[in-house]
């Protein structure tokens, strides 16, 4: 059945499946709050159009499984991004394969030829992707910064060290959605992420002021998440040369989640990544007194950003995240009624 976005009972049923699956597959992280889940499940992290389908259980308000199908409308319009979840109590019954066949029907109906997706390494989802013939691609290595272990004054010292290499830059910060005066300049930093490692076949994203306002900031507007941004301004041009962002869900204030960190190509080599991230951590120590840990993820091949994170005290944690591609045509026809 397709989830009605206006029906919170259906969305909550899917949320319970996701929470149960995460507790088994990725127990390090706290459960995703319903507010964050609702925005992500219905809109995706990048606010692509999409569909949500679920397998109802025997009892009202119960689901056995569900999937999210993102259908990018700006770039990568040959692709559909698929995230299937099966409740641990309902696994090994063929439900995952039925979800995949149903999703293939929907992807083909929307003109998509390739599935993209990912799963925690060594999880049931990882094993399932390999079983159905998906091709493994980029691996995202995860790290966590335990703020309780950081010596007093450490971030201030790192900020000062980085600032010595960043003459001609000043720091600005804001909370919540991007201020209007920065939207276009923030878009240029988002575009710098096109230089980050990625699998072959993916197109560059193109960000402008409208896209930052309407899509990048949707989670902050709709889910009540607290967002923090620190940017390095180039004094001579007024450009935002570097930017780092962290989100904190008020429902789990002990955890922070690193969003984008990027430096535009013309301004690399001035330690702006370390400068903005160290300044962010100083700020969060005051703004989020309950914050204990921050999670970040980088392509395992992104040695530069990994080095910055390790300088700040981030430590590797398992599982990492394995991404996959799978041709839609390689999936058999669905036998599930839509």
C-alpha atoms as a PDB file:
ATOM      1  CA  UNK A   1       0.000   0.000   0.000  1.00  0.00           C
ATOM      2  CA  UNK A   2       1.157   3.513  -0.715  1.00  0.00           C
ATOM      3  CA  UNK A   3       1.605   5.703   2.340  1.00  0.00           C
ATOM      4  CA  UNK A   4      -0.681   8.701   2.507  1.00  0.00           C
ATOM      5  CA  UNK A   5       1.585  11.576   3.624  1.00  0.00           C
ATOM      6  CA  UNK A   6      -1.352  13.049   5.529  1.00  0.00           C
ATOM      7  CA  UNK A   7      -1.905   9.822   7.484  1.00  0.00           C
ATOM      8  CA  UNK A   8       0.380   9.928  10.498  1.00  0.00           C
ATOM      9  CA  UNK A   9      -0.714   6.412  11.499  1.00  0.00           C
ATOM     10  CA  UNK A  10       0.845   4.970   8.342  1.00  0.00           C
ATOM     11  CA  UNK A  11       3.989   7.054   8.738  1.00  0.00           C
ATOM     12  CA  UNK A  12       4.304   6.053  12.390  1.00  0.00           C
ATOM     13  CA  UNK A  13       3.966   2.390  11.444  1.00  0.00           C
ATOM     14  CA  UNK A  14       6.913   2.809   9.075  1.00  0.00           C
ATOM     15  CA  UNK A  15       8.833   4.676  11.771  1.00  0.00           C
ATOM     16  CA  UNK A  16       8.461   1.736  14.158  1.00  0.00           C
ATOM     17  CA  UNK A  17       9.876  -0.625  11.524  1.00  0.00           C
ATOM     18  CA  UNK A  18      12.829   1.687  10.890  1.00  0.00           C
ATOM     19  CA  UNK A  19      13.561   1.988  14.628  1.00  0.00           C
ATOM     20  CA  UNK A  20      13.438  -1.787  15.113  1.00  0.00           C
ATOM     21  CA  UNK A  21      15.705  -2.356  12.115  1.00  0.00           C
ATOM     22  CA  UNK A  22      18.208   0.257  13.267  1.00  0.00           C
ATOM     23  CA  UNK A  23      18.368  -1.267  16.750  1.00  0.00           C
ATOM     24  CA  UNK A  24      19.624  -4.474  15.134  1.00  0.00           C
ATOM     25  CA  UNK A  25      21.628  -3.164  12.178  1.00  0.00           C
ATOM     26  CA  UNK A  26      23.133   0.061  13.526  1.00  0.00           C
ATOM     27  CA  UNK A  27      22.710   0.189  17.323  1.00  0.00           C
ATOM     28  CA  UNK A  28      25.345   2.866  17.911  1.00  0.00           C
ATOM     29  CA  UNK A  29      23.020   5.723  17.006  1.00  0.00           C
ATOM     30  CA  UNK A  30      19.946   6.866  18.927  1.00  0.00           C
ATOM     31  CA  UNK A  31      16.568   6.136  17.356  1.00  0.00           C
ATOM     32  CA  UNK A  32      15.515   8.725  14.800  1.00  0.00           C
ATOM     33  CA  UNK A  33      12.777  10.899  16.290  1.00  0.00           C
ATOM     34  CA  UNK A  34       9.414  10.802  14.568  1.00  0.00           C
ATOM     35  CA  UNK A  35       9.699  14.441  13.503  1.00  0.00           C
ATOM     36  CA  UNK A  36      12.998  13.868  11.698  1.00  0.00           C
ATOM     37  CA  UNK A  37      11.832  10.525  10.320  1.00  0.00           C
ATOM     38  CA  UNK A  38       8.682  12.027   8.866  1.00  0.00           C
ATOM     39  CA  UNK A  39      10.576  14.713   6.951  1.00  0.00           C
ATOM     40  CA  UNK A  40      13.217  12.277   5.718  1.00  0.00           C
ATOM     41  CA  UNK A  41      10.802   9.488   4.765  1.00  0.00           C
ATOM     42  CA  UNK A  42       8.479  11.791   2.829  1.00  0.00           C
ATOM     43  CA  UNK A  43      11.051  14.155   1.315  1.00  0.00           C
ATOM     44  CA  UNK A  44      14.487  12.522   1.525  1.00  0.00           C
ATOM     45  CA  UNK A  45      17.567  14.303   2.807  1.00  0.00           C
ATOM     46  CA  UNK A  46      17.792  16.334  -0.442  1.00  0.00           C
ATOM     47  CA  UNK A  47      14.033  16.943  -0.848  1.00  0.00           C
ATOM     48  CA  UNK A  48      13.677  14.932  -4.032  1.00  0.00           C
ATOM     49  CA  UNK A  49      10.205  13.863  -5.123  1.00  0.00           C
ATOM     50  CA  UNK A  50       9.441  10.302  -4.157  1.00  0.00           C
ATOM     51  CA  UNK A  51       7.099   7.589  -3.029  1.00  0.00           C
ATOM     52  CA  UNK A  52       6.607   5.628   0.182  1.00  0.00           C
ATOM     53  CA  UNK A  53       5.092   2.126   0.159  1.00  0.00           C
ATOM     54  CA  UNK A  54       4.500  -0.278   3.043  1.00  0.00           C
ATOM     55  CA  UNK A  55       3.363  -3.801   3.799  1.00  0.00           C
ATOM     56  CA  UNK A  56       0.646  -3.646   6.475  1.00  0.00           C
ATOM     57  CA  UNK A  57       0.592  -6.095   9.356  1.00  0.00           C
ATOM     58  CA  UNK A  58      -2.352  -7.986  10.785  1.00  0.00           C
ATOM     59  CA  UNK A  59      -3.158  -5.359  13.421  1.00  0.00           C
ATOM     60  CA  UNK A  60      -4.283  -1.784  12.687  1.00  0.00           C
ATOM     61  CA  UNK A  61      -1.340   0.648  12.615  1.00  0.00           C
ATOM     62  CA  UNK A  62       1.190  -2.156  12.111  1.00  0.00           C
ATOM     63  CA  UNK A  63       3.672  -2.518   9.269  1.00  0.00           C
ATOM     64  CA  UNK A  64       5.941  -5.437   8.407  1.00  0.00           C
ATOM     65  CA  UNK A  65       8.119  -3.535   5.944  1.00  0.00           C
ATOM     66  CA  UNK A  66       8.302  -0.415   3.805  1.00  0.00           C
ATOM     67  CA  UNK A  67      10.454   1.328   1.264  1.00  0.00           C
ATOM     68  CA  UNK A  68      11.308   4.861   0.277  1.00  0.00           C
ATOM     69  CA  UNK A  69      11.854   5.584  -3.425  1.00  0.00           C
ATOM     70  CA  UNK A  70      13.494   8.905  -4.236  1.00  0.00           C
ATOM     71  CA  UNK A  71      13.069  10.163  -7.796  1.00  0.00           C
ATOM     72  CA  UNK A  72      15.566  12.983  -8.426  1.00  0.00           C
ATOM     73  CA  UNK A  73      14.107  15.702 -10.593  1.00  0.00           C
ATOM     74  CA  UNK A  74      17.130  17.952 -11.165  1.00  0.00           C
ATOM     75  CA  UNK A  75      20.153  15.714 -11.759  1.00  0.00           C
ATOM     76  CA  UNK A  76      20.544  11.942 -12.088  1.00  0.00           C
ATOM     77  CA  UNK A  77      17.070  11.574 -13.525  1.00  0.00           C
ATOM     78  CA  UNK A  78      17.949   8.105 -14.786  1.00  0.00           C
ATOM     79  CA  UNK A  79      18.214   6.938 -11.176  1.00  0.00           C
ATOM     80  CA  UNK A  80      15.927   6.030  -8.318  1.00  0.00           C
ATOM     81  CA  UNK A  81      17.310   5.886  -4.799  1.00  0.00           C
ATOM     82  CA  UNK A  82      15.836   2.992  -2.864  1.00  0.00           C
ATOM     83  CA  UNK A  83      15.822   2.434   0.898  1.00  0.00           C
ATOM     84  CA  UNK A  84      13.923  -0.721   1.937  1.00  0.00           C
ATOM     85  CA  UNK A  85      13.309  -1.731   5.555  1.00  0.00           C
ATOM     86  CA  UNK A  86      11.945  -5.035   6.876  1.00  0.00           C
ATOM     87  CA  UNK A  87      11.131  -5.445  10.556  1.00  0.00           C
ATOM     88  CA  UNK A  88      13.627  -7.911  12.106  1.00  0.00           C
ATOM     89  CA  UNK A  89      10.738 -10.151  13.181  1.00  0.00           C
ATOM     90  CA  UNK A  90       9.556 -10.394   9.567  1.00  0.00           C
ATOM     91  CA  UNK A  91      12.864 -11.082   7.840  1.00  0.00           C
ATOM     92  CA  UNK A  92      13.712 -14.203   5.827  1.00  0.00           C
ATOM     93  CA  UNK A  93      10.175 -14.518   4.484  1.00  0.00           C
ATOM     94  CA  UNK A  94      10.812 -13.121   1.012  1.00  0.00           C
ATOM     95  CA  UNK A  95       9.379  -9.694   1.875  1.00  0.00           C
ATOM     96  CA  UNK A  96      12.569  -7.880   0.922  1.00  0.00           C
ATOM     97  CA  UNK A  97      12.539  -9.363  -2.583  1.00  0.00           C
ATOM     98  CA  UNK A  98       8.873  -8.449  -3.003  1.00  0.00           C
ATOM     99  CA  UNK A  99       9.673  -4.876  -1.962  1.00  0.00           C
ATOM    100  CA  UNK A 100      12.489  -4.788  -4.508  1.00  0.00           C
ATOM    101  CA  UNK A 101      10.270  -6.113  -7.325  1.00  0.00           C
ATOM    102  CA  UNK A 102       7.539  -3.636  -6.464  1.00  0.00           C
ATOM    103  CA  UNK A 103      10.050  -0.777  -6.325  1.00  0.00           C
ATOM    104  CA  UNK A 104      11.408  -1.826  -9.733  1.00  0.00           C
ATOM    105  CA  UNK A 105       7.919  -1.516 -11.181  1.00  0.00           C
ATOM    106  CA  UNK A 106       7.574   1.962  -9.735  1.00  0.00           C
ATOM    107  CA  UNK A 107      11.057   3.009 -10.850  1.00  0.00           C
ATOM    108  CA  UNK A 108      10.424   1.814 -14.405  1.00  0.00           C
ATOM    109  CA  UNK A 109       7.062   3.578 -14.467  1.00  0.00           C
ATOM    110  CA  UNK A 110       8.942   6.783 -13.660  1.00  0.00           C
ATOM    111  CA  UNK A 111      11.533   6.241 -16.397  1.00  0.00           C
ATOM    112  CA  UNK A 112      14.375   5.170 -14.112  1.00  0.00           C
ATOM    113  CA  UNK A 113      16.948   2.598 -15.178  1.00  0.00           C
ATOM    114  CA  UNK A 114      19.294   2.337 -12.189  1.00  0.00           C
ATOM    115  CA  UNK A 115      18.734   1.911  -8.468  1.00  0.00           C
ATOM    116  CA  UNK A 116      21.120   3.571  -6.053  1.00  0.00           C
ATOM    117  CA  UNK A 117      21.122   2.791  -2.366  1.00  0.00           C
ATOM    118  CA  UNK A 118      23.181   1.793   0.617  1.00  0.00           C
ATOM    119  CA  UNK A 119      23.291  -0.201   3.810  1.00  0.00           C
ATOM    120  CA  UNK A 120      25.305  -0.478   6.983  1.00  0.00           C
ATOM    121  CA  UNK A 121      28.223  -2.815   6.387  1.00  0.00           C
ATOM    122  CA  UNK A 122      27.673  -6.412   7.497  1.00  0.00           C
ATOM    123  CA  UNK A 123      23.984  -5.752   8.137  1.00  0.00           C
ATOM    124  CA  UNK A 124      21.023  -7.688   6.772  1.00  0.00           C
ATOM    125  CA  UNK A 125      20.595  -4.956   4.158  1.00  0.00           C
ATOM    126  CA  UNK A 126      24.223  -5.313   3.074  1.00  0.00           C
ATOM    127  CA  UNK A 127      23.839  -9.065   2.657  1.00  0.00           C
ATOM    128  CA  UNK A 128      20.558  -8.616   0.778  1.00  0.00           C
ATOM    129  CA  UNK A 129      22.092  -6.149  -1.686  1.00  0.00           C
ATOM    130  CA  UNK A 130      24.852  -8.620  -2.531  1.00  0.00           C
ATOM    131  CA  UNK A 131      22.394 -11.500  -2.841  1.00  0.00           C
ATOM    132  CA  UNK A 132      20.311  -9.663  -5.449  1.00  0.00           C
ATOM    133  CA  UNK A 133      23.391  -8.802  -7.496  1.00  0.00           C
ATOM    134  CA  UNK A 134      23.893  -5.137  -6.647  1.00  0.00           C
ATOM    135  CA  UNK A 135      27.315  -3.735  -7.495  1.00  0.00           C
ATOM    136  CA  UNK A 136      29.209  -2.333  -4.485  1.00  0.00           C
ATOM    137  CA  UNK A 137      30.637   1.141  -4.887  1.00  0.00           C
ATOM    138  CA  UNK A 138      31.827   3.861  -2.550  1.00  0.00           C
ATOM    139  CA  UNK A 139      32.320   3.060   1.130  1.00  0.00           C
ATOM    140  CA  UNK A 140      31.550   5.786   3.651  1.00  0.00           C
ATOM    141  CA  UNK A 141      33.711   5.547   6.760  1.00  0.00           C
ATOM    142  CA  UNK A 142      32.054   6.791   9.944  1.00  0.00           C
ATOM    143  CA  UNK A 143      33.692   8.554  12.840  1.00  0.00           C
ATOM    144  CA  UNK A 144      32.421   9.825  16.162  1.00  0.00           C
ATOM    145  CA  UNK A 145      33.813  12.635  18.285  1.00  0.00           C
ATOM    146  CA  UNK A 146      33.298  11.982  21.992  1.00  0.00           C
ATOM    147  CA  UNK A 147      33.289  15.484  23.456  1.00  0.00           C
ATOM    148  CA  UNK A 148      33.623  14.094  26.970  1.00  0.00           C
ATOM    149  CA  UNK A 149      37.162  12.948  26.146  1.00  0.00           C
ATOM    150  CA  UNK A 150      38.442  16.213  24.657  1.00  0.00           C
ATOM    151  CA  UNK A 151      40.926  18.170  26.833  1.00  0.00           C
ATOM    152  CA  UNK A 152      39.818  21.640  27.902  1.00  0.00           C
ATOM    153  CA  UNK A 153      40.877  24.327  25.440  1.00  0.00           C
ATOM    154  CA  UNK A 154      41.705  21.841  22.670  1.00  0.00           C
ATOM    155  CA  UNK A 155      39.363  23.325  20.081  1.00  0.00           C
ATOM    156  CA  UNK A 156      40.477  26.872  20.814  1.00  0.00           C
ATOM    157  CA  UNK A 157      44.089  25.836  20.257  1.00  0.00           C
ATOM    158  CA  UNK A 158      43.234  24.153  16.976  1.00  0.00           C
ATOM    159  CA  UNK A 159      41.232  27.174  15.831  1.00  0.00           C
ATOM    160  CA  UNK A 160      44.150  29.481  16.577  1.00  0.00           C
ATOM    161  CA  UNK A 161      46.568  27.199  14.727  1.00  0.00           C
ATOM    162  CA  UNK A 162      44.308  27.113  11.681  1.00  0.00           C
ATOM    163  CA  UNK A 163      43.723  30.875  11.805  1.00  0.00           C
ATOM    164  CA  UNK A 164      47.453  31.459  11.354  1.00  0.00           C
ATOM    165  CA  UNK A 165      47.123  30.013   7.838  1.00  0.00           C
ATOM    166  CA  UNK A 166      43.872  31.849   7.095  1.00  0.00           C
ATOM    167  CA  UNK A 167      44.848  35.499   6.872  1.00  0.00           C
ATOM    168  CA  UNK A 168      42.221  37.450   4.953  1.00  0.00           C
ATOM    169  CA  UNK A 169      39.287  35.365   6.163  1.00  0.00           C
ATOM    170  CA  UNK A 170      36.760  36.059   8.900  1.00  0.00           C
ATOM    171  CA  UNK A 171      34.209  33.764  10.500  1.00  0.00           C
ATOM    172  CA  UNK A 172      30.456  34.296  10.523  1.00  0.00           C
ATOM    173  CA  UNK A 173      27.833  32.002  12.032  1.00  0.00           C
ATOM    174  CA  UNK A 174      24.084  31.538  12.164  1.00  0.00           C
ATOM    175  CA  UNK A 175      21.460  29.209  13.559  1.00  0.00           C
ATOM    176  CA  UNK A 176      18.549  27.750  11.637  1.00  0.00           C
ATOM    177  CA  UNK A 177      17.917  28.220   7.911  1.00  0.00           C
ATOM    178  CA  UNK A 178      20.426  30.128   5.807  1.00  0.00           C
ATOM    179  CA  UNK A 179      19.961  33.909   6.009  1.00  0.00           C
ATOM    180  CA  UNK A 180      18.716  35.443   2.774  1.00  0.00           C
ATOM    181  CA  UNK A 181      21.904  37.441   2.253  1.00  0.00           C
ATOM    182  CA  UNK A 182      23.993  34.252   2.246  1.00  0.00           C
ATOM    183  CA  UNK A 183      21.837  31.941   0.117  1.00  0.00           C
ATOM    184  CA  UNK A 184      23.687  32.439  -3.166  1.00  0.00           C
ATOM    185  CA  UNK A 185      27.085  32.291  -1.539  1.00  0.00           C
ATOM    186  CA  UNK A 186      26.196  29.109   0.360  1.00  0.00           C
ATOM    187  CA  UNK A 187      25.076  27.563  -2.933  1.00  0.00           C
ATOM    188  CA  UNK A 188      28.622  27.979  -4.272  1.00  0.00           C
ATOM    189  CA  UNK A 189      29.968  25.991  -1.322  1.00  0.00           C
ATOM    190  CA  UNK A 190      27.396  23.255  -1.915  1.00  0.00           C
ATOM    191  CA  UNK A 191      28.616  23.120  -5.519  1.00  0.00           C
ATOM    192  CA  UNK A 192      32.147  22.540  -4.227  1.00  0.00           C
ATOM    193  CA  UNK A 193      30.960  19.128  -3.013  1.00  0.00           C
ATOM    194  CA  UNK A 194      31.062  18.008  -6.643  1.00  0.00           C
ATOM    195  CA  UNK A 195      34.801  17.569  -6.105  1.00  0.00           C
ATOM    196  CA  UNK A 196      34.250  14.987  -3.355  1.00  0.00           C
ATOM    197  CA  UNK A 197      34.764  11.277  -4.166  1.00  0.00           C
ATOM    198  CA  UNK A 198      31.735   9.536  -5.700  1.00  0.00           C
ATOM    199  CA  UNK A 199      30.878   6.551  -7.828  1.00  0.00           C
ATOM    200  CA  UNK A 200      31.083   6.801 -11.654  1.00  0.00           C
ATOM    201  CA  UNK A 201      27.926   7.746 -13.498  1.00  0.00           C
ATOM    202  CA  UNK A 202      26.646  10.389 -11.093  1.00  0.00           C
ATOM    203  CA  UNK A 203      26.106  13.893 -12.425  1.00  0.00           C
ATOM    204  CA  UNK A 204      27.246  17.076 -10.714  1.00  0.00           C
ATOM    205  CA  UNK A 205      24.655  18.748  -8.517  1.00  0.00           C
ATOM    206  CA  UNK A 206      23.928  22.355  -9.329  1.00  0.00           C
ATOM    207  CA  UNK A 207      22.866  24.507  -6.381  1.00  0.00           C
ATOM    208  CA  UNK A 208      21.546  28.039  -6.468  1.00  0.00           C
ATOM    209  CA  UNK A 209      19.984  30.287  -3.844  1.00  0.00           C
ATOM    210  CA  UNK A 210      16.462  28.941  -4.377  1.00  0.00           C
ATOM    211  CA  UNK A 211      17.570  25.337  -4.029  1.00  0.00           C
ATOM    212  CA  UNK A 212      19.411  26.028  -0.768  1.00  0.00           C
ATOM    213  CA  UNK A 213      16.358  27.781   0.660  1.00  0.00           C
ATOM    214  CA  UNK A 214      13.768  25.279  -0.543  1.00  0.00           C
ATOM    215  CA  UNK A 215      15.637  21.998  -0.198  1.00  0.00           C
ATOM    216  CA  UNK A 216      18.780  22.123   1.909  1.00  0.00           C
ATOM    217  CA  UNK A 217      17.040  23.831   4.814  1.00  0.00           C
ATOM    218  CA  UNK A 218      13.806  21.803   4.759  1.00  0.00           C
ATOM    219  CA  UNK A 219      14.749  19.589   7.718  1.00  0.00           C
ATOM    220  CA  UNK A 220      15.387  22.655   9.865  1.00  0.00           C
ATOM    221  CA  UNK A 221      12.068  24.230   8.902  1.00  0.00           C
ATOM    222  CA  UNK A 222       9.840  21.185   9.194  1.00  0.00           C
ATOM    223  CA  UNK A 223      11.350  18.899  11.838  1.00  0.00           C
ATOM    224  CA  UNK A 224      12.322  21.352  14.571  1.00  0.00           C
ATOM    225  CA  UNK A 225      15.984  20.371  14.316  1.00  0.00           C
ATOM    226  CA  UNK A 226      18.476  22.931  15.573  1.00  0.00           C
ATOM    227  CA  UNK A 227      20.965  23.812  12.870  1.00  0.00           C
ATOM    228  CA  UNK A 228      24.328  25.517  13.331  1.00  0.00           C
ATOM    229  CA  UNK A 229      26.481  26.950  10.538  1.00  0.00           C
ATOM    230  CA  UNK A 230      29.979  28.445  10.621  1.00  0.00           C
ATOM    231  CA  UNK A 231      31.353  30.020   7.447  1.00  0.00           C
ATOM    232  CA  UNK A 232      34.689  31.519   6.450  1.00  0.00           C
ATOM    233  CA  UNK A 233      34.216  34.791   4.540  1.00  0.00           C
ATOM    234  CA  UNK A 234      36.922  35.968   2.158  1.00  0.00           C
ATOM    235  CA  UNK A 235      37.445  39.603   3.093  1.00  0.00           C
ATOM    236  CA  UNK A 236      38.557  40.740  -0.370  1.00  0.00           C
ATOM    237  CA  UNK A 237      35.593  39.323  -2.292  1.00  0.00           C
ATOM    238  CA  UNK A 238      32.872  38.659   0.296  1.00  0.00           C
ATOM    239  CA  UNK A 239      32.647  35.069  -0.932  1.00  0.00           C
ATOM    240  CA  UNK A 240      31.890  32.265   1.474  1.00  0.00           C
ATOM    241  CA  UNK A 241      35.052  30.236   1.034  1.00  0.00           C
ATOM    242  CA  UNK A 242      34.285  27.455   3.489  1.00  0.00           C
ATOM    243  CA  UNK A 243      31.302  26.208   5.447  1.00  0.00           C
ATOM    244  CA  UNK A 244      30.517  23.587   8.067  1.00  0.00           C
ATOM    245  CA  UNK A 245      27.095  22.647   9.440  1.00  0.00           C
ATOM    246  CA  UNK A 246      25.891  20.546  12.384  1.00  0.00           C
ATOM    247  CA  UNK A 247      22.345  19.527  13.308  1.00  0.00           C
ATOM    248  CA  UNK A 248      21.023  18.586  16.761  1.00  0.00           C
ATOM    249  CA  UNK A 249      17.616  17.006  17.262  1.00  0.00           C
ATOM    250  CA  UNK A 250      16.048  18.342  20.494  1.00  0.00           C
ATOM    251  CA  UNK A 251      14.676  14.835  21.091  1.00  0.00           C
ATOM    252  CA  UNK A 252      18.239  13.455  21.364  1.00  0.00           C
ATOM    253  CA  UNK A 253      20.332  16.462  22.470  1.00  0.00           C
ATOM    254  CA  UNK A 254      23.296  14.301  23.434  1.00  0.00           C
ATOM    255  CA  UNK A 255      23.996  13.575  19.745  1.00  0.00           C
ATOM    256  CA  UNK A 256      25.010  15.918  16.953  1.00  0.00           C
ATOM    257  CA  UNK A 257      25.153  15.077  13.249  1.00  0.00           C
ATOM    258  CA  UNK A 258      27.685  16.650  10.939  1.00  0.00           C
ATOM    259  CA  UNK A 259      26.176  18.016   7.771  1.00  0.00           C
ATOM    260  CA  UNK A 260      28.122  19.560   4.933  1.00  0.00           C
ATOM    261  CA  UNK A 261      31.733  20.645   5.318  1.00  0.00           C
ATOM    262  CA  UNK A 262      33.277  22.080   2.161  1.00  0.00           C
ATOM    263  CA  UNK A 263      35.799  24.633   0.949  1.00  0.00           C
ATOM    264  CA  UNK A 264      35.528  26.128  -2.530  1.00  0.00           C
ATOM    265  CA  UNK A 265      38.334  25.252  -4.919  1.00  0.00           C
ATOM    266  CA  UNK A 266      39.842  28.745  -5.133  1.00  0.00           C
ATOM    267  CA  UNK A 267      40.279  28.954  -1.364  1.00  0.00           C
ATOM    268  CA  UNK A 268      41.719  25.569  -0.493  1.00  0.00           C
ATOM    269  CA  UNK A 269      45.070  25.332   1.235  1.00  0.00           C
ATOM    270  CA  UNK A 270      44.291  27.836   4.014  1.00  0.00           C
ATOM    271  CA  UNK A 271      43.098  25.294   6.610  1.00  0.00           C
ATOM    272  CA  UNK A 272      39.546  26.636   6.403  1.00  0.00           C
ATOM    273  CA  UNK A 273      38.054  23.207   7.024  1.00  0.00           C
ATOM    274  CA  UNK A 274      39.847  22.888  10.349  1.00  0.00           C
ATOM    275  CA  UNK A 275      39.204  26.556  11.187  1.00  0.00           C
ATOM    276  CA  UNK A 276      35.440  26.387  10.695  1.00  0.00           C
ATOM    277  CA  UNK A 277      35.040  22.995  12.362  1.00  0.00           C
ATOM    278  CA  UNK A 278      37.096  23.945  15.428  1.00  0.00           C
ATOM    279  CA  UNK A 279      35.103  27.179  15.768  1.00  0.00           C
ATOM    280  CA  UNK A 280      31.878  25.168  15.452  1.00  0.00           C
ATOM    281  CA  UNK A 281      32.907  22.871  18.295  1.00  0.00           C
ATOM    282  CA  UNK A 282      33.736  25.807  20.537  1.00  0.00           C
ATOM    283  CA  UNK A 283      30.298  27.257  19.820  1.00  0.00           C
ATOM    284  CA  UNK A 284      28.442  24.006  20.415  1.00  0.00           C
ATOM    285  CA  UNK A 285      30.075  23.618  23.821  1.00  0.00           C
ATOM    286  CA  UNK A 286      28.099  26.687  24.877  1.00  0.00           C
ATOM    287  CA  UNK A 287      24.988  26.410  22.712  1.00  0.00           C
ATOM    288  CA  UNK A 288      24.353  22.680  23.304  1.00  0.00           C
ATOM    289  CA  UNK A 289      25.459  21.868  26.869  1.00  0.00           C
ATOM    290  CA  UNK A 290      23.949  18.351  26.715  1.00  0.00           C
ATOM    291  CA  UNK A 291      25.867  17.431  23.565  1.00  0.00           C
ATOM    292  CA  UNK A 292      28.192  14.456  24.103  1.00  0.00           C
ATOM    293  CA  UNK A 293      28.955  12.964  20.691  1.00  0.00           C
ATOM    294  CA  UNK A 294      28.954  14.027  17.039  1.00  0.00           C
ATOM    295  CA  UNK A 295      28.816  11.630  14.106  1.00  0.00           C
ATOM    296  CA  UNK A 296      30.377  12.323  10.734  1.00  0.00           C
ATOM    297  CA  UNK A 297      30.940  10.292   7.588  1.00  0.00           C
ATOM    298  CA  UNK A 298      33.362  10.629   4.696  1.00  0.00           C
ATOM    299  CA  UNK A 299      34.201   8.583   1.667  1.00  0.00           C
ATOM    300  CA  UNK A 300      36.901   6.181   2.829  1.00  0.00           C
ATOM    301  CA  UNK A 301      39.133   7.611   0.084  1.00  0.00           C
ATOM    302  CA  UNK A 302      38.712  11.232   1.224  1.00  0.00           C
ATOM    303  CA  UNK A 303      42.034  11.391   3.038  1.00  0.00           C
ATOM    304  CA  UNK A 304      42.063  15.178   3.421  1.00  0.00           C
ATOM    305  CA  UNK A 305      38.784  15.493   5.317  1.00  0.00           C
ATOM    306  CA  UNK A 306      39.487  12.363   7.338  1.00  0.00           C
ATOM    307  CA  UNK A 307      42.780  13.942   8.454  1.00  0.00           C
ATOM    308  CA  UNK A 308      40.933  17.103   9.550  1.00  0.00           C
ATOM    309  CA  UNK A 309      38.428  15.057  11.527  1.00  0.00           C
ATOM    310  CA  UNK A 310      41.103  12.970  13.200  1.00  0.00           C
ATOM    311  CA  UNK A 311      42.964  16.150  14.192  1.00  0.00           C
ATOM    312  CA  UNK A 312      39.773  17.236  15.952  1.00  0.00           C
ATOM    313  CA  UNK A 313      39.565  13.904  17.806  1.00  0.00           C
ATOM    314  CA  UNK A 314      37.091  11.903  15.720  1.00  0.00           C
ATOM    315  CA  UNK A 315      37.587   8.141  16.005  1.00  0.00           C
ATOM    316  CA  UNK A 316      36.489   5.404  13.564  1.00  0.00           C
ATOM    317  CA  UNK A 317      33.357   3.452  14.452  1.00  0.00           C
ATOM    318  CA  UNK A 318      31.592   0.525  12.850  1.00  0.00           C
ATOM    319  CA  UNK A 319      29.578  -0.108  10.848  1.00  0.00           C
ATOM    320  CA  UNK A 320      30.509   2.017   7.890  1.00  0.00           C
ATOM    321  CA  UNK A 321      28.112   2.527   4.997  1.00  0.00           C
ATOM    322  CA  UNK A 322      28.335   0.621   1.721  1.00  0.00           C
ATOM    323  CA  UNK A 323      26.710   2.110  -1.372  1.00  0.00           C
ATOM    324  CA  UNK A 324      25.363   0.045  -4.270  1.00  0.00           C
ATOM    325  CA  UNK A 325      23.991   0.318  -7.806  1.00  0.00           C
ATOM    326  CA  UNK A 326      21.568  -2.137  -9.377  1.00  0.00           C
ATOM    327  CA  UNK A 327      19.993  -1.983 -12.860  1.00  0.00           C
ATOM    328  CA  UNK A 328      16.229  -1.762 -12.564  1.00  0.00           C
ATOM    329  CA  UNK A 329      15.871  -4.213 -15.462  1.00  0.00           C
ATOM    330  CA  UNK A 330      17.792  -6.846 -13.470  1.00  0.00           C
ATOM    331  CA  UNK A 331      14.903  -7.108 -11.015  1.00  0.00           C
ATOM    332  CA  UNK A 332      12.011  -9.490 -11.818  1.00  0.00           C
ATOM    333  CA  UNK A 333       8.425  -8.342 -12.210  1.00  0.00           C
ATOM    334  CA  UNK A 334       6.374  -7.603  -9.107  1.00  0.00           C
ATOM    335  CA  UNK A 335       3.602  -9.868  -7.903  1.00  0.00           C
ATOM    336  CA  UNK A 336       2.413  -7.328  -5.350  1.00  0.00           C
ATOM    337  CA  UNK A 337      -0.815  -5.529  -6.154  1.00  0.00           C
ATOM    338  CA  UNK A 338      -0.498  -1.732  -6.195  1.00  0.00           C
END
